[in-house]
Protein backbone atom coordinates (compact mmCIF):
# COMPACT_ATOMS: atom_id res chain seq x y z
CA MET A 1 -19.96 30.12 -30.09
CA ALA A 2 -21.11 28.94 -26.66
CA LYS A 3 -23.64 31.06 -24.81
CA GLY A 4 -22.97 32.75 -21.47
CA ARG A 5 -24.76 30.08 -19.43
CA GLN A 6 -22.78 27.30 -21.13
CA LEU A 7 -19.54 29.14 -20.53
CA LYS A 8 -20.34 29.57 -16.83
CA GLY A 9 -21.02 25.82 -16.59
CA ARG A 10 -17.68 25.06 -18.23
CA ILE A 11 -15.89 27.46 -15.89
CA ARG A 12 -17.40 25.75 -12.82
CA SER A 13 -16.47 22.32 -14.20
CA VAL A 14 -12.84 23.31 -14.83
CA GLN A 15 -12.61 24.97 -11.39
CA ASN A 16 -13.80 21.75 -9.72
CA THR A 17 -11.35 19.70 -11.76
CA ARG A 18 -8.51 22.02 -10.78
CA LYS A 19 -9.37 21.62 -7.10
CA ILE A 20 -9.20 17.83 -7.47
CA THR A 21 -5.89 17.81 -9.35
CA LYS A 22 -4.37 20.30 -6.90
CA THR A 23 -5.42 18.13 -3.96
CA MET A 24 -4.00 15.01 -5.62
CA GLU A 25 -0.74 16.87 -6.28
CA LEU A 26 -0.43 17.78 -2.60
CA VAL A 27 -1.23 14.22 -1.48
CA ALA A 28 1.32 12.76 -3.92
CA THR A 29 3.94 15.24 -2.70
CA SER A 30 3.34 14.19 0.89
CA LYS A 31 3.52 10.47 0.13
CA LEU A 32 6.52 10.91 -2.16
CA LYS A 33 8.66 12.13 0.74
CA ARG A 34 8.01 8.98 2.79
CA ALA A 35 8.49 6.71 -0.23
CA GLN A 36 11.75 8.45 -1.11
CA ASP A 37 13.01 7.97 2.44
CA ARG A 38 12.39 4.21 2.13
CA VAL A 39 14.38 4.10 -1.12
CA VAL A 40 17.32 5.97 0.42
CA ALA A 41 17.26 3.74 3.50
CA ALA A 42 17.26 0.53 1.41
CA ARG A 43 20.23 1.37 -0.81
CA PRO A 44 23.17 1.17 1.66
CA TYR A 45 22.08 -2.29 2.83
CA ALA A 46 21.84 -3.54 -0.75
CA GLU A 47 25.25 -2.12 -1.62
CA ALA A 48 26.79 -3.77 1.44
CA LEU A 49 25.27 -7.13 0.44
CA GLN A 50 26.72 -6.80 -3.05
CA ALA A 51 30.17 -5.95 -1.69
CA VAL A 52 30.23 -8.93 0.71
CA ILE A 53 29.07 -11.37 -1.99
CA ALA A 54 31.67 -10.01 -4.41
CA ASP A 55 34.39 -10.66 -1.81
CA LEU A 56 33.23 -14.17 -0.95
CA VAL A 57 32.31 -15.74 -4.29
CA THR A 58 35.00 -17.78 -6.01
CA PRO A 59 34.71 -20.00 -9.11
CA GLU A 60 34.88 -23.06 -6.88
CA LEU A 61 32.05 -21.89 -4.63
CA ALA A 62 29.93 -20.76 -7.57
CA GLU A 63 29.54 -24.37 -8.72
CA ARG A 64 28.21 -25.45 -5.32
CA PHE A 65 25.34 -22.96 -5.02
CA PRO A 66 22.24 -23.33 -7.22
CA LEU A 67 21.53 -19.60 -7.06
CA LEU A 68 24.92 -18.84 -8.65
CA ARG A 69 24.79 -21.39 -11.45
CA ARG A 70 24.07 -20.25 -14.99
CA PRO A 71 21.89 -22.89 -16.66
CA ALA A 72 22.57 -23.90 -20.24
CA ALA A 73 20.43 -22.55 -23.09
CA PRO A 74 17.26 -24.49 -23.99
CA ALA A 75 18.92 -25.77 -27.16
CA LYS A 76 21.63 -27.37 -25.02
CA GLY A 77 19.31 -29.07 -22.57
CA GLY A 78 18.84 -26.21 -20.09
CA PRO A 79 15.51 -25.13 -18.57
CA GLY A 80 13.09 -23.89 -21.19
CA ARG A 81 11.33 -21.33 -19.00
CA ALA A 82 12.40 -17.87 -17.86
CA ALA A 83 10.55 -15.60 -15.43
CA VAL A 84 9.78 -11.90 -15.80
CA VAL A 85 8.56 -10.06 -12.69
CA LEU A 86 6.71 -6.84 -13.59
CA LEU A 87 6.14 -4.21 -10.89
CA THR A 88 3.49 -1.56 -11.62
CA SER A 89 1.11 0.52 -9.52
CA ASN A 90 -2.48 -0.23 -8.61
CA ARG A 91 -3.65 3.23 -9.68
CA GLY A 92 -3.21 5.49 -12.67
CA LEU A 93 -3.25 9.27 -13.22
CA ALA A 94 0.55 9.22 -13.39
CA GLY A 95 1.26 10.07 -17.00
CA GLY A 96 3.20 7.40 -18.88
CA PHE A 97 4.61 5.75 -15.74
CA ASN A 98 2.86 2.38 -16.03
CA ALA A 99 2.84 2.41 -19.83
CA ASN A 100 6.64 2.70 -19.90
CA LEU A 101 7.03 -0.25 -17.51
CA ILE A 102 4.66 -2.37 -19.60
CA LYS A 103 6.57 -1.43 -22.74
CA GLU A 104 9.83 -2.53 -21.11
CA ALA A 105 8.20 -5.83 -20.06
CA ARG A 106 7.00 -6.48 -23.60
CA ARG A 107 10.48 -5.77 -24.95
CA ARG A 108 12.08 -8.19 -22.51
CA ILE A 109 9.46 -10.90 -23.12
CA GLU A 110 9.98 -10.69 -26.87
CA GLN A 111 13.74 -10.88 -26.38
CA LEU A 112 13.51 -14.00 -24.20
CA GLU A 113 11.04 -15.69 -26.54
CA GLY A 114 13.39 -14.93 -29.41
CA GLU A 115 16.10 -16.83 -27.51
CA GLY A 116 13.84 -19.88 -27.28
CA TYR A 117 12.47 -19.48 -23.74
CA GLU A 118 8.89 -19.83 -22.60
CA VAL A 119 8.26 -16.76 -20.45
CA GLU A 120 6.54 -17.14 -17.09
CA LEU A 121 5.05 -13.82 -16.02
CA TYR A 122 4.81 -12.64 -12.41
CA GLY A 123 2.73 -9.51 -11.86
CA VAL A 124 2.63 -7.04 -8.98
CA GLY A 125 0.24 -4.14 -9.44
CA ARG A 126 -3.20 -3.83 -10.97
CA LYS A 127 -2.14 -1.87 -14.08
CA GLY A 128 0.39 -4.36 -15.42
CA ILE A 129 -1.79 -7.35 -14.57
CA GLY A 130 -4.81 -5.80 -16.27
CA TYR A 131 -2.87 -5.08 -19.46
CA PHE A 132 -1.48 -8.58 -19.92
CA ARG A 133 -4.77 -10.16 -18.91
CA TYR A 134 -6.34 -8.23 -21.79
CA LEU A 135 -3.75 -9.78 -24.11
CA GLY A 136 -4.67 -13.22 -22.77
CA ARG A 137 -1.32 -13.95 -21.15
CA PRO A 138 -1.54 -16.04 -17.94
CA PHE A 139 0.30 -15.15 -14.74
CA ALA A 140 2.23 -17.47 -12.45
CA LEU A 141 1.70 -14.94 -9.64
CA GLU A 142 -0.66 -11.98 -9.22
CA ARG A 143 -0.34 -9.53 -6.32
CA ILE A 144 -2.53 -6.45 -6.06
CA ASP A 145 -2.62 -6.34 -2.26
CA ILE A 146 0.79 -4.80 -1.57
CA GLY A 147 -0.23 -1.17 -2.11
CA ASP A 148 1.86 1.87 -1.19
CA LYS A 149 3.68 0.40 1.80
CA PRO A 150 5.64 -2.68 0.73
CA THR A 151 7.27 -4.60 3.53
CA VAL A 152 10.10 -7.09 3.84
CA ASP A 153 7.50 -9.84 4.29
CA HIS A 154 6.01 -9.00 0.88
CA ALA A 155 9.45 -9.27 -0.70
CA HIS A 156 10.06 -12.62 1.05
CA GLU A 157 6.77 -14.07 -0.21
CA ILE A 158 7.60 -13.17 -3.81
CA GLY A 159 11.32 -13.88 -3.60
CA ASP A 160 10.99 -17.27 -1.94
CA GLN A 161 8.66 -18.50 -4.67
CA LEU A 162 11.19 -17.45 -7.33
CA ILE A 163 14.12 -18.94 -5.40
CA GLY A 164 12.32 -22.28 -5.01
CA ALA A 165 11.49 -22.53 -8.72
CA PHE A 166 15.05 -21.63 -9.70
CA GLU A 167 16.65 -24.10 -7.29
CA ARG A 168 14.41 -26.89 -8.60
CA GLY A 169 15.67 -26.17 -12.12
CA GLU A 170 12.29 -24.97 -13.39
CA LEU A 171 13.59 -21.51 -14.40
CA ALA A 172 16.66 -20.50 -16.34
CA SER A 173 16.59 -16.88 -15.18
CA VAL A 174 14.50 -14.27 -13.36
CA ASP A 175 14.33 -10.65 -14.54
CA LEU A 176 12.81 -7.91 -12.39
CA ILE A 177 11.29 -4.92 -14.20
CA HIS A 178 10.74 -1.80 -12.09
CA PRO A 179 11.35 1.96 -12.22
CA ARG A 180 14.82 3.04 -11.15
CA PHE A 181 14.05 6.00 -8.91
CA GLN A 182 16.54 8.81 -9.56
CA SER A 183 14.51 11.86 -8.58
CA ALA A 184 10.93 13.04 -8.35
CA LEU A 185 11.09 13.80 -12.09
CA GLN A 186 13.06 10.77 -13.28
CA ALA A 187 12.25 7.09 -12.73
CA PRO A 188 13.02 5.28 -16.00
CA PRO A 189 12.03 1.60 -16.31
CA THR A 190 14.87 -0.85 -15.91
CA THR A 191 15.41 -4.62 -16.11
CA VAL A 192 17.51 -6.26 -13.38
CA ARG A 193 18.65 -9.89 -13.51
CA ILE A 194 18.15 -11.23 -9.98
CA LEU A 195 18.59 -14.94 -10.71
CA PRO A 196 21.08 -16.40 -11.19
CA VAL A 197 22.84 -14.09 -8.74
CA GLU A 198 25.55 -12.18 -10.58
CA PRO A 199 28.21 -10.97 -8.13
CA PRO A 200 29.31 -7.43 -9.00
CA ALA A 201 32.77 -7.20 -10.52
CA GLU A 202 35.43 -5.98 -8.15
CA GLN A 203 36.38 -2.38 -8.69
CA SER A 204 39.93 -1.76 -9.77
CA SER A 205 40.38 0.69 -6.92
CA ARG A 206 39.97 -2.15 -4.40
CA GLY A 207 42.94 -3.97 -5.92
CA VAL A 208 43.69 -7.50 -4.71
CA ARG A 209 40.84 -9.51 -3.16
CA PRO A 210 41.00 -9.18 0.65
CA ASP A 211 42.27 -12.24 2.49
CA TYR A 212 39.62 -12.61 5.21
CA ILE A 213 39.65 -15.02 8.11
CA LEU A 214 36.02 -16.14 8.09
CA GLU A 215 33.99 -17.62 10.90
CA PRO A 216 31.82 -19.40 9.92
CA SER A 217 33.08 -20.44 6.49
CA ALA A 218 32.42 -18.58 3.24
CA GLU A 219 30.08 -21.39 2.22
CA ALA A 220 27.97 -21.00 5.37
CA ILE A 221 27.82 -17.23 4.93
CA LEU A 222 26.78 -17.47 1.27
CA THR A 223 24.08 -19.98 2.17
CA GLU A 224 22.38 -17.20 4.14
CA LEU A 225 23.35 -14.20 2.01
CA LEU A 226 22.31 -15.38 -1.46
CA PRO A 227 18.57 -15.79 -0.71
CA LEU A 228 18.75 -12.56 1.28
CA TYR A 229 20.23 -10.81 -1.75
CA VAL A 230 17.34 -11.94 -3.98
CA ARG A 231 14.69 -10.91 -1.44
CA ASN A 232 16.38 -7.55 -0.97
CA ALA A 233 16.41 -6.98 -4.75
CA VAL A 234 12.65 -7.58 -4.82
CA TYR A 235 12.14 -5.23 -1.86
CA ARG A 236 14.20 -2.50 -3.50
CA GLY A 237 12.14 -2.86 -6.66
CA LEU A 238 8.91 -2.50 -4.67
CA VAL A 239 9.96 0.64 -2.79
CA GLU A 240 11.40 2.23 -5.93
CA MET A 241 8.15 1.50 -7.76
CA VAL A 242 6.13 3.33 -5.09
CA ALA A 243 8.49 6.32 -5.07
CA GLY A 244 8.53 6.49 -8.88
CA PHE A 245 4.73 6.32 -9.01
CA TYR A 246 4.22 9.22 -6.63
CA GLY A 247 6.87 11.28 -8.40
CA ALA A 248 5.12 10.68 -11.73
CA GLN A 249 1.69 11.35 -10.25
CA ARG A 250 2.81 14.61 -8.68
CA THR A 251 4.22 15.78 -11.99
CA ALA A 252 1.10 14.74 -13.90
CA MET A 253 -1.26 16.43 -11.44
CA LYS A 254 0.83 19.62 -11.42
CA ASN A 255 0.67 19.75 -15.21
CA ALA A 256 -3.08 19.12 -15.10
CA THR A 257 -3.55 21.91 -12.54
CA ASP A 258 -1.50 24.34 -14.64
CA ASN A 259 -3.44 23.41 -17.78
CA ALA A 260 -6.74 23.88 -15.96
CA GLY A 261 -5.60 27.37 -14.93
CA GLU A 262 -4.80 28.26 -18.54
CA ILE A 263 -8.19 26.96 -19.73
CA LEU A 264 -9.92 28.99 -17.02
CA GLU A 265 -8.22 32.17 -18.21
CA VAL A 266 -9.41 31.56 -21.77
CA LEU A 267 -12.97 30.73 -20.68
CA LYS A 268 -13.24 33.75 -18.38
CA ARG A 269 -11.89 36.05 -21.08
CA THR A 270 -14.40 34.66 -23.58
CA TYR A 271 -17.25 34.98 -21.08
CA ASN A 272 -16.36 38.59 -20.23
CA ARG A 273 -16.16 39.51 -23.90
CA GLN A 274 -19.58 38.01 -24.57
CA ARG A 275 -21.03 39.77 -21.55
CA GLN A 276 -19.50 43.09 -22.62
CA ALA A 277 -20.82 42.62 -26.15
CA ALA A 278 -24.32 41.88 -24.78
CA ILE A 279 -24.26 44.99 -22.58
CA THR A 280 -23.05 47.15 -25.46
CA GLN A 281 -25.84 45.79 -27.68
CA GLU A 282 -28.46 46.55 -25.03
CA ILE A 283 -27.18 50.11 -24.63
CA SER A 284 -27.22 50.58 -28.38
CA GLU A 285 -30.84 49.36 -28.55
CA ILE A 286 -31.88 51.74 -25.74
CA VAL A 287 -30.14 54.69 -27.36
CA GLY A 288 -31.62 53.81 -30.73
CA GLY A 289 -35.12 53.50 -29.25
CA ALA A 290 -34.82 56.85 -27.46
CA ALA A 291 -33.60 58.54 -30.66
CA ALA A 292 -36.55 57.07 -32.58
CA LEU A 293 -39.03 58.46 -30.03
CA GLN A 294 -37.49 61.91 -30.18
CA GLY A 295 -37.45 61.92 -33.97
């Protein structure tokens, strides 16, 4: 059993650790609110883009836009490469957040390779890049400079590179892997196909396709909207990744703080018992010595 001095050292160490985890929990809570606001603000715009594209795209127009075309499989002469864009955080201490995203990326890569594609990996975030570097897999793009405040410019830089490669026929598809932020406690990893653009199916409640009078033409509008849709999908993935990370980190740090409190209770109880036992032994020795002198 540990001695009193060792127990006091352990108690101080756990107390210091609890202060750190509590502080990190408060910081994550503060940053989570701002990140969550960015996610909420980005969603209506993305939904409006999807609705407009769904109303404008027709089978005839789909053949005239490279971003809407579905290339043939490699066995039938289509492009032999497919891109996977993995979004992770630059920091850890967030439980299984990054590990789950990496696991989803590995699953998708294996699936694409099983279909005959050569996977081109794009990495955003130090954790995902570090993992696949360790496995010896090269990256077509590495970004660790975006941090906790992704901007539209960041999304344009990544999205434009993907759009250019797809339009040139170098890529058959582009999949974006990011956490789908649902709440501070739930942000499961998800895979979203961003290229070729897949217009959402019209909801039955909307009935017949609206007969719009368009100025300019539907073709001119789609020329602007389709790249915007891809960039917006990347931006949404970035902001949801940040919100999911801080939600996971807050939960992990709260659990660590609670666990530290439980360990402290056990250590203090053990220390007090040892101290009480030592005092009782000293009293017994004094009483025994006094009785021996009197006898």
